[in-house]
N, C-alpha and C. Protein backbone atom coordinates (compact mmCIF):
# COMPACT_ATOMS: atom_id res chain seq x y z
N ARG A 1 -102.12 9.88 12.91
CA ARG A 1 -101.40 8.90 12.22
C ARG A 1 -100.37 8.35 12.96
N TYR A 2 -99.59 7.46 12.69
CA TYR A 2 -98.65 6.82 13.35
C TYR A 2 -97.16 7.28 12.56
N LEU A 3 -96.14 7.39 13.48
CA LEU A 3 -94.94 7.78 13.19
C LEU A 3 -94.42 6.85 12.11
N ASP A 4 -94.49 5.58 12.21
CA ASP A 4 -93.85 4.62 11.38
C ASP A 4 -94.47 4.49 9.86
N GLU A 5 -95.61 5.39 9.53
CA GLU A 5 -96.25 5.49 8.15
C GLU A 5 -95.32 6.29 7.31
N GLY A 6 -94.36 7.11 7.76
CA GLY A 6 -93.29 7.82 7.08
C GLY A 6 -93.95 8.92 6.39
N LEU A 7 -94.83 9.55 7.09
CA LEU A 7 -95.41 10.88 6.41
C LEU A 7 -94.58 12.19 7.06
N PRO A 8 -94.45 13.07 6.32
CA PRO A 8 -93.55 14.16 6.80
C PRO A 8 -94.17 14.85 8.11
N ALA A 9 -95.45 14.64 8.16
CA ALA A 9 -96.31 15.20 9.49
C ALA A 9 -97.26 14.11 9.66
N PRO A 10 -97.30 13.43 10.79
CA PRO A 10 -98.01 12.35 11.13
C PRO A 10 -99.49 12.69 11.53
N VAL A 11 -100.25 13.59 10.73
CA VAL A 11 -101.49 14.32 10.97
C VAL A 11 -102.40 13.87 9.82
N GLN A 12 -103.66 13.72 10.25
CA GLN A 12 -104.51 13.58 9.21
C GLN A 12 -105.94 14.41 9.67
N LEU A 13 -106.52 15.14 8.78
CA LEU A 13 -107.61 15.92 9.14
C LEU A 13 -108.71 15.27 8.31
N GLN A 14 -110.10 15.42 8.93
CA GLN A 14 -111.19 14.95 8.17
C GLN A 14 -112.33 16.01 8.33
N LEU A 15 -112.60 16.70 7.10
CA LEU A 15 -113.66 17.40 7.09
C LEU A 15 -114.93 16.87 7.12
N LEU A 16 -115.76 17.20 8.06
CA LEU A 16 -117.16 16.77 8.27
C LEU A 16 -118.15 17.69 8.22
N GLU A 17 -119.37 17.33 7.61
CA GLU A 17 -120.49 18.11 7.41
C GLU A 17 -121.27 18.35 8.78
N PRO A 18 -121.89 19.52 8.90
CA PRO A 18 -122.69 19.74 10.22
C PRO A 18 -123.67 18.49 10.47
N GLU A 19 -124.14 18.03 9.58
CA GLU A 19 -125.20 17.07 9.76
C GLU A 19 -124.75 15.66 10.55
N MET A 20 -123.39 15.45 10.59
CA MET A 20 -122.65 14.42 11.34
C MET A 20 -122.99 14.48 12.73
N VAL A 21 -123.12 15.83 13.18
CA VAL A 21 -123.33 16.19 14.65
C VAL A 21 -124.82 16.46 14.77
N PRO A 22 -125.83 15.48 15.00
CA PRO A 22 -127.33 15.75 15.02
C PRO A 22 -127.81 16.85 16.06
N LEU A 23 -128.58 17.45 16.00
CA LEU A 23 -129.24 18.45 16.92
C LEU A 23 -129.77 17.73 18.07
N LEU A 24 -129.19 16.95 18.82
CA LEU A 24 -129.63 16.11 19.95
C LEU A 24 -129.39 16.87 21.22
N ASP A 25 -130.42 17.11 22.05
CA ASP A 25 -130.36 17.64 23.36
C ASP A 25 -130.91 16.47 24.37
N SER A 26 -130.14 16.14 25.44
CA SER A 26 -130.25 15.24 26.42
C SER A 26 -129.73 15.42 27.61
N ASP A 27 -130.18 14.90 28.77
CA ASP A 27 -129.56 14.98 29.92
C ASP A 27 -129.43 13.42 30.56
N SER A 28 -129.84 12.52 29.69
CA SER A 28 -129.69 11.20 30.17
C SER A 28 -129.50 10.17 28.86
N TYR A 29 -128.71 10.52 28.09
CA TYR A 29 -128.44 9.74 26.83
C TYR A 29 -127.48 8.51 27.16
N ALA A 30 -127.72 7.39 26.51
CA ALA A 30 -126.86 6.33 26.88
C ALA A 30 -125.33 6.58 26.59
N GLY A 31 -124.65 6.19 27.66
CA GLY A 31 -123.20 6.58 27.60
C GLY A 31 -122.67 7.99 27.90
N LEU A 32 -123.69 8.64 28.24
CA LEU A 32 -123.33 10.08 28.86
C LEU A 32 -122.87 9.94 30.35
N PRO A 33 -121.58 10.59 30.65
CA PRO A 33 -121.21 10.55 32.08
C PRO A 33 -122.18 11.48 32.90
N LYS A 34 -122.35 11.00 34.11
CA LYS A 34 -123.23 11.72 35.20
C LYS A 34 -122.91 13.08 35.32
N GLY A 35 -123.92 13.91 35.13
CA GLY A 35 -123.59 15.42 35.40
C GLY A 35 -123.53 16.18 34.22
N ASN A 36 -123.07 15.50 33.07
CA ASN A 36 -122.86 16.14 31.72
C ASN A 36 -124.19 16.11 31.06
N ARG A 37 -124.27 17.06 29.98
CA ARG A 37 -125.60 17.20 29.11
C ARG A 37 -125.21 17.38 27.86
N ILE A 38 -126.10 16.95 26.98
CA ILE A 38 -125.77 17.24 25.44
C ILE A 38 -126.68 18.44 25.00
N ARG A 39 -126.25 19.32 24.38
CA ARG A 39 -126.79 20.36 23.74
C ARG A 39 -126.46 20.55 22.30
N SER A 40 -127.41 20.49 21.37
CA SER A 40 -126.96 20.56 19.79
C SER A 40 -125.97 19.38 19.49
N GLY A 41 -126.18 18.38 20.10
CA GLY A 41 -125.06 17.22 19.81
C GLY A 41 -123.60 17.44 20.34
N ILE A 42 -123.39 18.43 21.18
CA ILE A 42 -122.24 18.79 21.93
C ILE A 42 -122.43 18.45 23.25
N GLU A 43 -121.51 17.54 23.80
CA GLU A 43 -121.48 17.32 25.32
C GLU A 43 -120.82 18.39 26.04
N LEU A 44 -121.60 18.78 27.02
CA LEU A 44 -120.87 19.91 27.95
C LEU A 44 -120.88 19.14 29.39
N ASP A 45 -119.80 19.84 30.05
CA ASP A 45 -119.71 19.21 31.59
C ASP A 45 -120.49 20.12 32.42
N LYS A 46 -120.48 19.94 33.86
CA LYS A 46 -121.01 20.87 34.71
C LYS A 46 -120.79 22.21 34.58
N ARG A 47 -119.67 22.73 34.11
CA ARG A 47 -119.33 24.11 33.99
C ARG A 47 -119.53 24.65 32.61
N GLY A 48 -120.02 23.87 31.59
CA GLY A 48 -120.63 24.23 30.39
C GLY A 48 -119.37 24.20 29.49
N ARG A 49 -118.38 23.45 29.60
CA ARG A 49 -117.08 23.18 28.79
C ARG A 49 -117.41 22.05 27.78
N ARG A 50 -117.06 22.24 26.50
CA ARG A 50 -117.20 21.26 25.59
C ARG A 50 -116.37 20.06 26.07
N VAL A 51 -116.82 18.80 26.21
CA VAL A 51 -116.23 17.60 26.39
C VAL A 51 -116.02 16.62 25.34
N ALA A 52 -117.10 16.52 24.53
CA ALA A 52 -117.28 15.71 23.53
C ALA A 52 -118.33 15.91 22.33
N TYR A 53 -118.22 15.35 21.29
CA TYR A 53 -119.31 15.63 20.18
C TYR A 53 -119.90 14.39 19.88
N TRP A 54 -121.23 14.15 19.78
CA TRP A 54 -121.86 12.92 19.43
C TRP A 54 -122.17 12.97 17.94
N MET A 55 -121.41 12.04 17.18
CA MET A 55 -121.55 11.95 15.79
C MET A 55 -121.99 10.65 15.18
N HIS A 56 -122.73 10.78 13.96
CA HIS A 56 -123.03 9.70 13.31
C HIS A 56 -121.85 8.88 12.67
N LYS A 57 -121.91 7.57 12.71
CA LYS A 57 -120.73 6.80 12.14
C LYS A 57 -120.72 7.09 10.52
N GLU A 58 -121.83 7.33 9.85
CA GLU A 58 -121.78 7.37 8.47
C GLU A 58 -122.99 8.70 8.27
N HIS A 59 -122.90 9.36 7.19
CA HIS A 59 -123.73 10.41 6.91
C HIS A 59 -125.23 10.10 6.92
N PRO A 60 -126.02 10.80 7.84
CA PRO A 60 -127.50 10.52 8.04
C PRO A 60 -128.27 10.45 6.67
N GLY A 61 -127.92 11.25 5.69
CA GLY A 61 -128.52 11.23 4.44
C GLY A 61 -128.32 9.91 3.69
N GLU A 62 -127.38 9.18 3.84
CA GLU A 62 -127.08 7.79 3.23
C GLU A 62 -127.92 6.81 3.84
N LYS A 63 -128.49 6.90 4.83
CA LYS A 63 -129.26 5.85 5.46
C LYS A 63 -130.65 5.50 4.70
N SER A 64 -131.08 4.20 4.80
CA SER A 64 -132.36 4.02 4.16
C SER A 64 -133.40 4.64 4.69
N MET A 65 -134.27 5.31 3.83
CA MET A 65 -135.60 5.89 4.21
C MET A 65 -135.45 6.98 5.42
N GLY A 66 -134.26 7.46 5.54
CA GLY A 66 -133.98 8.60 6.31
C GLY A 66 -134.19 8.38 7.80
N TYR A 67 -134.17 6.99 8.36
CA TYR A 67 -134.26 6.75 9.49
C TYR A 67 -133.01 6.82 10.06
N ILE A 68 -132.94 7.50 11.42
CA ILE A 68 -131.61 7.81 12.18
C ILE A 68 -131.77 7.06 13.45
N ASP A 69 -131.02 6.23 13.76
CA ASP A 69 -130.94 5.40 15.11
C ASP A 69 -130.13 6.25 15.94
N PRO A 70 -130.62 6.85 16.98
CA PRO A 70 -129.96 7.62 17.90
C PRO A 70 -128.96 6.78 18.74
N THR A 71 -129.09 5.55 18.89
CA THR A 71 -128.13 4.77 19.52
C THR A 71 -126.84 4.42 18.82
N ALA A 72 -126.98 4.83 17.49
CA ALA A 72 -125.70 4.55 16.71
C ALA A 72 -124.78 5.71 16.72
N LEU A 73 -124.81 6.69 17.66
CA LEU A 73 -124.03 7.84 17.59
C LEU A 73 -122.75 7.31 18.32
N VAL A 74 -121.73 8.01 17.98
CA VAL A 74 -120.39 7.70 18.74
C VAL A 74 -119.87 8.88 19.42
N ARG A 75 -119.32 8.74 20.50
CA ARG A 75 -118.76 9.83 21.30
C ARG A 75 -117.39 10.16 20.93
N VAL A 76 -117.15 11.30 20.28
CA VAL A 76 -115.70 11.82 20.02
C VAL A 76 -115.26 12.91 20.98
N ALA A 77 -114.04 12.63 21.68
CA ALA A 77 -113.53 13.70 22.36
C ALA A 77 -113.42 15.06 21.92
N ALA A 78 -113.70 16.01 22.60
CA ALA A 78 -113.58 17.37 22.01
C ALA A 78 -112.11 17.68 21.91
N SER A 79 -111.21 17.02 22.46
CA SER A 79 -109.84 17.17 22.14
C SER A 79 -109.35 16.75 20.73
N ASP A 80 -110.17 15.83 20.21
CA ASP A 80 -110.01 15.35 18.80
C ASP A 80 -110.70 16.25 17.79
N VAL A 81 -111.46 17.13 18.14
CA VAL A 81 -112.32 17.87 17.16
C VAL A 81 -111.75 19.21 17.13
N ILE A 82 -111.76 19.88 15.74
CA ILE A 82 -111.55 21.35 15.69
C ILE A 82 -112.88 21.89 15.13
N HIS A 83 -113.58 22.40 16.08
CA HIS A 83 -115.00 23.00 15.56
C HIS A 83 -114.81 24.48 15.16
N LEU A 84 -114.55 24.79 13.77
CA LEU A 84 -114.19 25.96 13.49
C LEU A 84 -115.38 26.82 13.13
N PHE A 85 -115.63 27.77 13.84
CA PHE A 85 -116.85 28.70 13.46
C PHE A 85 -116.59 29.83 14.52
N GLU A 86 -117.27 31.02 13.94
CA GLU A 86 -117.19 32.21 14.85
C GLU A 86 -118.63 32.52 15.35
N PRO A 87 -118.85 32.34 16.74
CA PRO A 87 -120.25 32.43 17.26
C PRO A 87 -120.47 34.22 17.16
N PRO A 88 -121.76 34.25 16.56
CA PRO A 88 -122.23 35.76 16.52
C PRO A 88 -122.73 36.24 18.01
N ARG A 89 -122.88 35.16 18.84
CA ARG A 89 -123.51 35.79 20.04
C ARG A 89 -122.68 34.80 21.23
N PRO A 90 -122.61 35.37 22.42
CA PRO A 90 -121.86 34.60 23.35
C PRO A 90 -122.67 33.27 23.73
N GLY A 91 -121.81 32.30 24.00
CA GLY A 91 -122.52 31.18 24.57
C GLY A 91 -123.05 30.19 23.35
N GLN A 92 -122.99 30.71 22.18
CA GLN A 92 -123.60 29.99 20.97
C GLN A 92 -122.65 28.72 20.83
N LEU A 93 -123.37 27.63 20.55
CA LEU A 93 -122.71 26.22 20.39
C LEU A 93 -122.12 25.93 18.96
N ARG A 94 -123.01 26.34 17.89
CA ARG A 94 -122.88 26.07 16.66
C ARG A 94 -123.20 27.17 15.77
N GLY A 95 -122.68 27.17 14.65
CA GLY A 95 -122.76 28.39 13.75
C GLY A 95 -122.13 28.35 12.45
N VAL A 96 -122.02 29.25 11.57
CA VAL A 96 -121.47 29.16 10.23
C VAL A 96 -119.82 29.16 10.35
N SER A 97 -119.25 28.27 9.65
CA SER A 97 -117.81 28.30 9.49
C SER A 97 -117.22 29.55 9.16
N MET A 98 -116.18 29.88 9.46
CA MET A 98 -115.41 31.24 8.93
C MET A 98 -115.05 30.84 7.37
N LEU A 99 -114.89 29.56 6.95
CA LEU A 99 -114.59 29.21 5.64
C LEU A 99 -115.74 29.40 4.52
N ALA A 100 -116.88 29.54 5.13
CA ALA A 100 -118.22 29.66 4.29
C ALA A 100 -118.04 30.69 3.21
N PRO A 101 -117.77 31.93 3.36
CA PRO A 101 -117.42 32.95 2.40
C PRO A 101 -116.55 32.48 1.36
N ILE A 102 -115.46 31.75 1.71
CA ILE A 102 -114.37 31.38 0.74
C ILE A 102 -114.90 30.42 -0.12
N LEU A 103 -115.71 29.33 0.37
CA LEU A 103 -116.22 28.36 -0.31
C LEU A 103 -117.24 28.91 -1.27
N ALA A 104 -118.06 29.88 -0.91
CA ALA A 104 -119.25 30.31 -1.90
C ALA A 104 -118.31 31.02 -2.97
N ARG A 105 -117.23 31.77 -2.81
CA ARG A 105 -116.54 32.39 -3.80
C ARG A 105 -115.93 31.46 -4.66
N LEU A 106 -115.31 30.29 -4.03
CA LEU A 106 -114.80 29.28 -5.02
C LEU A 106 -115.76 28.71 -5.93
N ARG A 107 -117.05 28.57 -5.48
CA ARG A 107 -118.02 27.96 -6.32
C ARG A 107 -118.47 28.93 -7.19
N ASN A 108 -118.43 30.20 -7.02
CA ASN A 108 -118.98 31.13 -8.19
C ASN A 108 -117.88 31.23 -9.16
N ILE A 109 -116.51 31.05 -8.82
CA ILE A 109 -115.61 30.95 -9.88
C ILE A 109 -115.71 29.73 -10.63
N GLU A 110 -115.99 28.57 -10.07
CA GLU A 110 -116.17 27.36 -10.92
C GLU A 110 -117.29 27.49 -11.74
N ASN A 111 -118.39 28.19 -11.41
CA ASN A 111 -119.66 28.30 -12.21
C ASN A 111 -119.28 29.29 -13.30
N TYR A 112 -118.54 30.32 -13.04
CA TYR A 112 -117.89 31.36 -14.28
C TYR A 112 -117.03 30.47 -15.22
N ASP A 113 -116.07 29.56 -14.75
CA ASP A 113 -115.27 28.82 -15.64
C ASP A 113 -116.32 28.04 -16.48
N ASP A 114 -117.27 27.30 -15.93
CA ASP A 114 -118.22 26.36 -16.68
C ASP A 114 -119.02 27.20 -17.72
N ALA A 115 -119.46 28.33 -17.39
CA ALA A 115 -120.27 29.26 -18.24
C ALA A 115 -119.55 29.67 -19.27
N THR A 116 -118.21 30.07 -19.10
CA THR A 116 -117.18 30.49 -20.19
C THR A 116 -116.85 29.28 -21.19
N LEU A 117 -116.63 28.15 -20.65
CA LEU A 117 -116.40 27.04 -21.53
C LEU A 117 -117.50 26.68 -22.25
N THR A 118 -118.82 26.67 -21.62
CA THR A 118 -119.92 26.38 -22.48
C THR A 118 -120.15 27.38 -23.63
N ARG A 119 -119.95 28.73 -23.48
CA ARG A 119 -120.38 29.64 -24.38
C ARG A 119 -119.36 29.62 -25.56
N GLN A 120 -117.94 29.06 -25.26
CA GLN A 120 -116.94 28.91 -26.22
C GLN A 120 -117.36 27.64 -26.99
């Protein structure tokens, strides 16, 4: 965010579903810098460091008839992404977020509240 917006902290986070980064693997995708490659939608440099994430502009499930145009992906610098997950094995690029158990527990609490209200 911009400093002139008057926010206490000029930061904005956006939570994205994993489907926003397609399981794309390519060594010659349009817009891919020479020597880089894409694995599971994550662009890696020659040394295997994360350089960028290739993302859909809108959720792929919201497109008509499920058609996904691979040229409609945008390159987002890895420095602008917080990819929060704990890899179960070395070198793993994607996985389950550390927040998954918390989210499941919150869902169970919500279901319990709904059942209690229904019973009453």
